[in-house]
Amino acid sequence: MSDCKDNETLGVDLTALRVATAQEEARAGEDPRRHPLIGISSHPDYDKGESMQVTRTYVRAVILAGGIPVALPCEDGATDLVRPLLERVDGLLLTGGGDIDPEAFGGKAYEEWSKAEVAYVCRTRDDFEQALVNTAWEMDLPCLGICRGMQVMNVALGGRMVRDVSEQQGFVADLHLMEAPFTRPCHRVHAQEGSRLAQILGGCDLGVNSIHHQAISSPAAGGSITCHATDGTPEGLEFPEKTFFLGVQWHPEINGDNPQLFEAFVEAARQRM
């Protein structure tokens, strides 16, 4: 799984609303148009399938970076609404969640030799997010992918992945699927010197959390793996030809150690306003 089930979901997020209200009071007199709308991909309720959810930590990260979070529904038929949806937002945040359906993305998301089991799949979400990525690419809409979100960015644009990190030689599965609490680092990653990611993070070496068992095996055309874990697992993906189109494999929205990643994303979205 990319990260199986999101650990904290949003119904009516009173905490985020309080934070938003406090920030708005502190920014009295600011032009409200300076706060870009950020569309956040949702995920299904894997247990009952009766709701669509957005994890609270993504909402908090966007608000603290100066953006206004808006949930994007992964409902049947929503794929047809992708362009008008994205025309109304200034940035796209692709979140973590369950595994990608092997039949999605034209049946070419995974390497042919990758045979490990997948779990918590949702074809409706896969199709919706494929349309989101492709349309955001055409529009040059700032896009940030987290965990599964980075993987979706890659396969939507023609890259490949493995169903489990253990299927690639030298990769250590236990290194990447940590136990709670997820607010602590469990391994280190190294960002390529001079990469957009290293510039944003202010350095090339850092400790990160990790809640995934799948991984990118080959980047899409135009994409570059600019960050790796100590065992070689891809941890960062960038598309230099776009204004802001990148993803990370860890969850900076949970541990809060990399607020500058969300700040750079929201700033790129603000420049479109």
Protein backbone atom coordinates (compact mmCIF):
# COMPACT_ATOMS: atom_id res chain seq x y z
CA MET A 1 0.00 0.00 0.00
CA SER A 2 1.03 3.57 -0.41
CA ASP A 3 -0.04 4.16 3.17
CA CYS A 4 -3.03 1.82 3.60
CA LYS A 5 -5.62 3.93 5.41
CA ASP A 6 -5.21 7.60 6.19
CA ASN A 7 -4.99 7.81 9.96
CA GLU A 8 -7.07 10.92 10.65
CA THR A 9 -10.02 12.03 8.55
CA LEU A 10 -12.03 15.18 8.23
CA GLY A 11 -15.75 15.48 8.68
CA VAL A 12 -16.30 19.00 9.98
CA ASP A 13 -12.77 19.99 10.98
CA LEU A 14 -13.30 22.34 13.91
CA THR A 15 -9.58 22.45 14.71
CA ALA A 16 -8.69 23.55 11.20
CA LEU A 17 -11.51 26.09 11.23
CA ARG A 18 -10.24 27.58 14.47
CA VAL A 19 -6.74 27.82 13.05
CA ALA A 20 -8.09 29.41 9.89
CA THR A 21 -10.15 31.92 11.89
CA ALA A 22 -7.18 32.86 14.08
CA GLN A 23 -4.97 33.34 11.06
CA GLU A 24 -7.54 35.45 9.28
CA GLU A 25 -7.88 37.67 12.35
CA ALA A 26 -4.11 38.05 12.46
CA ARG A 27 -4.09 38.98 8.81
CA ALA A 28 -6.84 41.57 9.05
CA GLY A 29 -6.48 44.05 6.24
CA GLU A 30 -4.79 41.59 3.88
CA ASP A 31 -6.17 41.09 0.41
CA PRO A 32 -8.20 37.83 0.71
CA ARG A 33 -7.28 37.02 -2.87
CA ARG A 34 -3.73 36.39 -1.66
CA HIS A 35 -4.83 33.05 -0.21
CA PRO A 36 -4.87 30.55 -3.09
CA LEU A 37 -7.44 27.77 -3.27
CA ILE A 38 -5.79 24.36 -2.98
CA GLY A 39 -7.74 21.36 -4.24
CA ILE A 40 -7.04 18.29 -2.07
CA SER A 41 -7.77 14.82 -3.42
CA SER A 42 -10.11 12.76 -1.23
CA HIS A 43 -10.20 9.04 -0.52
CA PRO A 44 -13.07 6.62 0.12
CA ASP A 45 -14.09 5.22 3.46
CA TYR A 46 -12.49 1.81 2.91
CA ASP A 47 -14.54 0.17 5.68
CA LYS A 48 -18.07 1.21 4.74
CA GLY A 49 -17.70 3.01 1.43
CA GLU A 50 -20.35 5.52 2.44
CA SER A 51 -18.22 8.65 2.54
CA MET A 52 -15.28 10.44 0.98
CA GLN A 53 -12.66 11.79 3.33
CA VAL A 54 -9.75 14.20 3.54
CA THR A 55 -7.09 13.69 6.18
CA ARG A 56 -6.96 16.55 8.66
CA THR A 57 -3.16 16.88 8.58
CA TYR A 58 -3.24 17.91 4.90
CA VAL A 59 -5.83 20.56 5.71
CA ARG A 60 -3.70 21.94 8.54
CA ALA A 61 -0.56 22.02 6.38
CA VAL A 62 -2.29 23.97 3.62
CA ILE A 63 -3.84 26.48 6.05
CA LEU A 64 -0.56 27.07 7.87
CA ALA A 65 1.16 27.67 4.51
CA GLY A 66 -1.40 30.35 3.67
CA GLY A 67 -3.72 28.43 1.39
CA ILE A 68 -7.44 27.69 1.52
CA PRO A 69 -8.13 23.91 1.36
CA VAL A 70 -10.92 22.56 -0.83
CA ALA A 71 -11.80 18.85 -0.98
CA LEU A 72 -12.10 17.25 -4.42
CA PRO A 73 -14.59 14.31 -4.56
CA CYS A 74 -13.60 10.96 -6.07
CA GLU A 75 -17.16 9.98 -6.93
CA ASP A 76 -18.37 8.09 -10.00
CA GLY A 77 -18.82 10.66 -12.74
CA ALA A 78 -16.48 13.20 -11.13
CA THR A 79 -13.85 12.54 -13.80
CA ASP A 80 -15.98 14.50 -16.25
CA LEU A 81 -15.80 17.49 -13.91
CA VAL A 82 -12.03 17.59 -13.55
CA ARG A 83 -11.33 20.53 -15.86
CA PRO A 84 -13.99 22.86 -14.40
CA LEU A 85 -12.85 21.81 -10.93
CA LEU A 86 -9.19 22.62 -11.60
CA GLU A 87 -10.09 25.87 -13.33
CA ARG A 88 -11.49 27.01 -9.98
CA VAL A 89 -8.41 26.21 -7.87
CA ASP A 90 -4.84 27.50 -7.86
CA GLY A 91 -3.03 24.31 -6.89
CA LEU A 92 -3.53 20.54 -6.61
CA LEU A 93 -2.50 18.42 -3.62
CA LEU A 94 -2.53 14.66 -4.25
CA THR A 95 -2.76 12.78 -0.97
CA GLY A 96 -1.74 9.35 0.30
CA GLY A 97 -3.98 6.30 0.61
CA GLY A 98 -4.51 2.77 -0.64
CA ASP A 99 -2.78 0.91 -3.45
CA ILE A 100 -3.33 1.55 -7.14
CA ASP A 101 -5.64 -0.93 -8.89
CA PRO A 102 -3.58 -3.09 -11.30
CA GLU A 103 -6.25 -2.53 -13.97
CA ALA A 104 -6.08 1.27 -13.68
CA PHE A 105 -3.86 3.51 -15.79
CA GLY A 106 -4.34 1.21 -18.77
CA GLY A 107 -3.07 -1.75 -16.75
CA LYS A 108 0.46 -0.32 -16.98
CA ALA A 109 1.02 1.18 -13.55
CA TYR A 110 3.15 -1.73 -12.34
CA GLU A 111 6.13 -3.51 -13.82
CA GLU A 112 5.06 -6.77 -15.50
CA TRP A 113 7.27 -8.77 -13.15
CA SER A 114 5.79 -7.14 -10.04
CA LYS A 115 3.31 -9.63 -8.55
CA ALA A 116 2.92 -8.76 -4.85
CA GLU A 117 -0.60 -8.38 -3.44
CA VAL A 118 -2.31 -5.01 -3.37
CA ALA A 119 -4.85 -3.73 -0.85
CA TYR A 120 -7.40 -0.97 -0.32
CA VAL A 121 -7.77 -0.30 -4.04
CA CYS A 122 -10.37 2.08 -5.45
CA ARG A 123 -10.64 2.24 -9.22
CA THR A 124 -12.89 5.31 -9.04
CA ARG A 125 -10.19 7.19 -7.18
CA ASP A 126 -7.48 6.00 -9.57
CA ASP A 127 -9.40 7.18 -12.64
CA PHE A 128 -10.26 10.50 -11.03
CA GLU A 129 -6.69 11.20 -9.99
CA GLN A 130 -5.34 10.18 -13.38
CA ALA A 131 -7.58 12.83 -14.91
CA LEU A 132 -6.49 15.34 -12.25
CA VAL A 133 -2.80 14.81 -13.01
CA ASN A 134 -3.18 14.90 -16.78
CA THR A 135 -5.30 18.05 -16.68
CA ALA A 136 -3.04 19.77 -14.14
CA TRP A 137 -0.11 18.95 -16.43
CA GLU A 138 -1.84 20.54 -19.42
CA MET A 139 -2.70 23.62 -17.37
CA ASP A 140 0.72 23.86 -15.69
CA LEU A 141 -1.19 23.93 -12.40
CA PRO A 142 1.13 23.67 -9.36
CA CYS A 143 0.92 20.11 -8.08
CA LEU A 144 2.33 18.47 -4.95
CA GLY A 145 2.09 14.69 -4.47
CA ILE A 146 2.46 13.00 -1.07
CA CYS A 147 3.25 9.26 -0.83
CA ARG A 148 0.62 7.62 -3.08
CA GLY A 149 0.16 11.07 -4.62
CA MET A 150 3.74 11.03 -5.92
CA GLN A 151 3.22 7.53 -7.30
CA VAL A 152 0.02 8.60 -9.06
CA MET A 153 1.80 11.57 -10.63
CA ASN A 154 4.40 9.18 -11.99
CA VAL A 155 2.16 6.48 -13.45
CA ALA A 156 -0.37 8.98 -14.83
CA LEU A 157 2.44 10.42 -16.94
CA GLY A 158 3.77 7.04 -18.08
CA GLY A 159 6.13 5.93 -15.31
CA ARG A 160 6.11 2.55 -13.56
CA MET A 161 6.17 1.24 -10.02
CA VAL A 162 6.44 -1.98 -8.01
CA ARG A 163 3.71 -3.41 -5.81
CA ASP A 164 6.14 -3.86 -2.93
CA VAL A 165 9.59 -2.44 -2.25
CA SER A 166 10.86 -5.95 -1.44
CA GLU A 167 10.55 -6.82 -5.14
CA GLN A 168 13.49 -4.61 -6.02
CA GLN A 169 16.98 -5.85 -5.20
CA GLY A 170 18.59 -4.11 -2.27
CA PHE A 171 15.41 -2.43 -1.04
CA VAL A 172 14.47 -3.00 2.61
CA ALA A 173 10.71 -3.28 3.13
CA ASP A 174 10.85 -2.85 6.93
CA LEU A 175 12.58 0.49 6.45
CA HIS A 176 9.52 2.02 4.82
CA LEU A 177 6.44 0.76 6.70
CA MET A 178 6.92 2.15 10.19
CA GLU A 179 4.67 1.72 13.19
CA ALA A 180 2.92 4.59 14.94
CA PRO A 181 3.59 7.25 16.05
CA PHE A 182 4.25 8.65 12.58
CA THR A 183 5.45 12.03 13.85
CA ARG A 184 9.04 10.80 14.20
CA PRO A 185 11.67 10.08 11.52
CA CYS A 186 12.44 6.41 10.86
CA HIS A 187 15.07 6.68 8.11
CA ARG A 188 17.10 9.24 6.20
CA VAL A 189 16.85 10.47 2.64
CA HIS A 190 19.30 12.32 0.43
CA ALA A 191 18.15 14.95 -2.04
CA GLN A 192 20.24 15.60 -5.12
CA GLU A 193 22.33 18.74 -4.77
CA GLY A 194 20.90 21.55 -6.88
CA SER A 195 17.49 19.90 -7.16
CA ARG A 196 14.29 21.86 -6.58
CA LEU A 197 13.61 19.68 -3.55
CA ALA A 198 17.01 20.38 -1.97
CA GLN A 199 16.54 24.10 -2.57
CA ILE A 200 13.11 24.08 -0.94
CA LEU A 201 14.18 21.98 2.06
CA GLY A 202 17.36 23.98 2.56
CA GLY A 203 19.60 20.92 2.49
CA CYS A 204 20.22 17.51 0.98
CA ASP A 205 20.09 15.16 3.97
CA LEU A 206 17.17 14.76 6.35
CA GLY A 207 15.25 12.27 8.46
CA VAL A 208 11.71 11.40 7.39
CA ASN A 209 8.78 9.25 8.43
CA SER A 210 7.58 6.45 6.15
CA ILE A 211 4.21 4.72 5.72
CA HIS A 212 4.35 2.91 2.38
CA HIS A 213 5.18 -0.45 0.86
CA GLN A 214 5.03 0.42 -2.85
CA ALA A 215 7.63 2.40 -4.78
CA ILE A 216 8.46 4.02 -8.08
CA SER A 217 10.61 1.78 -10.27
CA SER A 218 11.09 4.07 -13.29
CA PRO A 219 10.19 7.76 -13.66
CA ALA A 220 7.85 9.10 -16.32
CA ALA A 221 9.30 10.93 -19.31
CA GLY A 222 10.41 14.37 -18.19
CA GLY A 223 10.51 13.29 -14.55
CA SER A 224 13.62 12.93 -12.42
CA ILE A 225 14.14 11.03 -9.19
CA THR A 226 15.98 13.63 -7.16
CA CYS A 227 15.80 12.07 -3.70
CA HIS A 228 16.54 8.54 -2.44
CA ALA A 229 16.39 6.62 0.82
CA THR A 230 19.53 4.93 2.09
CA ASP A 231 18.49 1.65 0.42
CA GLY A 232 17.97 3.38 -2.93
CA THR A 233 14.18 3.67 -2.82
CA PRO A 234 12.96 6.75 -4.75
CA GLU A 235 11.76 9.40 -2.29
CA GLY A 236 11.40 12.51 -4.46
CA LEU A 237 10.12 13.12 -8.00
CA GLU A 238 10.39 16.37 -9.97
CA PHE A 239 9.30 17.56 -13.40
CA PRO A 240 11.59 20.53 -14.10
CA GLU A 241 9.73 21.74 -17.20
CA LYS A 242 6.71 22.68 -15.11
CA THR A 243 6.32 25.61 -12.73
CA PHE A 244 5.82 23.37 -9.69
CA PHE A 245 5.22 19.67 -10.25
CA LEU A 246 6.86 17.45 -7.66
CA GLY A 247 6.21 14.78 -5.07
CA VAL A 248 7.75 13.13 -2.02
CA GLN A 249 7.32 9.60 -0.68
CA TRP A 250 7.21 10.55 3.00
CA HIS A 251 4.48 12.43 4.92
CA PRO A 252 5.67 15.95 5.79
CA GLU A 253 2.10 16.94 6.68
CA ILE A 254 2.17 14.56 9.65
CA ASN A 255 5.48 15.35 11.33
CA GLY A 256 5.49 19.03 10.39
CA ASP A 257 9.28 19.01 9.90
CA ASN A 258 9.13 20.31 6.32
CA PRO A 259 6.64 23.22 6.34
CA GLN A 260 8.71 24.90 3.64
CA LEU A 261 7.54 22.24 1.17
CA PHE A 262 3.92 23.33 1.59
CA GLU A 263 4.95 26.98 1.72
CA ALA A 264 6.74 26.69 -1.64
CA PHE A 265 3.75 24.87 -3.12
CA VAL A 266 1.23 27.44 -1.87
CA GLU A 267 3.46 30.27 -3.06
CA ALA A 268 3.61 28.73 -6.55
CA ALA A 269 -0.20 28.55 -6.46
CA ARG A 270 -0.38 32.17 -5.32
CA GLN A 271 1.66 33.28 -8.33
CA ARG A 272 -1.13 32.01 -10.60
CA MET A 273 -3.75 34.26 -9.01
